[in-house]
Amino acid sequence: MEVITIEKEAFQRLLKKLDSIEEGLEELRNPVSRMQAEWVDTYDVMKILKVSRRTVTQYVSEGKLKCSRVKNKNYFKLDEISRFLEAGS
């Protein structure tokens, strides 16, 4: 086994980069993490959940997803979608 020695500053930069990568990966795992208070339409919900429009409509009619209707269009709070994902659909 080979031992490598690096300067303290280089090690600190490396740790900082690893933290940044970890934060980026966490964002990718949870697509709604930084937009908790925003609203999205059905199309966005379809993309986030990777389901069809019919499935989103079914989730709403079964009470699994809550939405607000404005001018014949459904809007969903992102924190509601996050709750839905955490509950396991």
Protein backbone atom coordinates (compact mmCIF):
# COMPACT_ATOMS: atom_id res chain seq x y z
CA MET A 1 0.00 0.00 0.00
CA GLU A 2 1.32 3.41 -0.98
CA VAL A 3 0.97 6.40 1.34
CA ILE A 4 0.43 9.80 -0.31
CA THR A 5 1.01 13.06 1.53
CA ILE A 6 -0.80 16.28 0.53
CA GLU A 7 -0.85 19.79 1.92
CA LYS A 8 -3.58 20.77 4.36
CA GLU A 9 -5.02 23.39 1.95
CA ALA A 10 -5.22 20.86 -0.88
CA PHE A 11 -7.00 18.43 1.43
CA GLN A 12 -9.48 21.13 2.50
CA ARG A 13 -10.22 21.98 -1.17
CA LEU A 14 -10.78 18.30 -1.87
CA LEU A 15 -13.22 18.02 1.04
CA LYS A 16 -15.07 21.12 -0.16
CA LYS A 17 -15.42 19.65 -3.66
CA LEU A 18 -16.69 16.36 -2.24
CA ASP A 19 -19.30 18.23 -0.19
CA SER A 20 -20.40 20.09 -3.31
CA ILE A 21 -20.73 16.82 -5.24
CA GLU A 22 -22.73 15.30 -2.38
CA GLU A 23 -25.14 18.27 -2.37
CA GLY A 24 -25.59 17.98 -6.14
CA LEU A 25 -26.37 14.28 -5.88
CA GLU A 26 -28.89 14.94 -3.12
CA GLU A 27 -30.64 17.48 -5.36
CA LEU A 28 -30.82 14.91 -8.15
CA ARG A 29 -32.31 12.34 -5.76
CA ASN A 30 -34.98 14.75 -4.54
CA PRO A 31 -36.14 16.95 -7.45
CA VAL A 32 -38.44 19.08 -5.31
CA SER A 33 -36.09 19.72 -2.39
CA ARG A 34 -35.35 23.39 -3.06
CA MET A 35 -38.75 24.45 -4.37
CA GLN A 36 -41.02 23.47 -1.47
CA ALA A 37 -43.43 26.41 -1.65
CA GLU A 38 -43.89 26.57 -5.43
CA TRP A 39 -46.78 25.31 -7.54
CA VAL A 40 -46.57 23.16 -10.67
CA ASP A 41 -49.11 21.97 -13.21
CA THR A 42 -50.06 18.42 -14.20
CA TYR A 43 -47.35 18.21 -16.87
CA ASP A 44 -44.64 18.98 -14.31
CA VAL A 45 -46.09 16.40 -11.91
CA MET A 46 -45.98 13.85 -14.73
CA LYS A 47 -42.27 14.57 -15.24
CA ILE A 48 -41.43 14.49 -11.52
CA LEU A 49 -43.32 11.25 -10.82
CA LYS A 50 -42.54 9.73 -14.24
CA VAL A 51 -46.18 8.76 -14.79
CA SER A 52 -48.87 9.48 -17.38
CA ARG A 53 -51.52 12.21 -17.21
CA ARG A 54 -54.14 9.54 -16.55
CA THR A 55 -52.16 8.26 -13.54
CA VAL A 56 -51.90 11.78 -12.09
CA THR A 57 -55.67 12.19 -12.57
CA GLN A 58 -56.23 8.84 -10.84
CA TYR A 59 -54.03 9.87 -7.88
CA VAL A 60 -56.11 13.06 -7.53
CA SER A 61 -59.46 11.24 -7.74
CA GLU A 62 -58.29 8.66 -5.16
CA GLY A 63 -57.20 11.47 -2.83
CA LYS A 64 -53.54 10.44 -2.94
CA LEU A 65 -52.52 13.82 -4.38
CA LYS A 66 -54.12 17.14 -3.50
CA CYS A 67 -54.38 19.94 -6.03
CA SER A 68 -55.99 23.32 -6.57
CA ARG A 69 -58.00 24.02 -9.69
CA VAL A 70 -57.71 27.39 -11.43
CA LYS A 71 -59.48 28.01 -14.75
CA ASN A 72 -59.92 24.28 -15.44
CA LYS A 73 -56.26 23.53 -14.75
CA ASN A 74 -54.85 21.60 -11.79
CA TYR A 75 -51.93 22.99 -9.79
CA PHE A 76 -49.96 21.04 -7.21
CA LYS A 77 -47.75 22.29 -4.37
CA LEU A 78 -44.29 20.80 -4.63
CA ASP A 79 -44.27 19.98 -0.93
CA GLU A 80 -47.43 17.93 -1.54
CA ILE A 81 -45.60 15.98 -4.26
CA SER A 82 -42.68 15.49 -1.90
CA ARG A 83 -45.06 14.15 0.77
CA PHE A 84 -46.57 11.80 -1.82
CA LEU A 85 -43.12 10.48 -2.79
CA GLU A 86 -42.08 9.98 0.84
CA ALA A 87 -45.30 8.08 1.54
CA GLY A 88 -44.37 5.65 -1.22
CA SER A 89 -47.13 6.61 -3.65
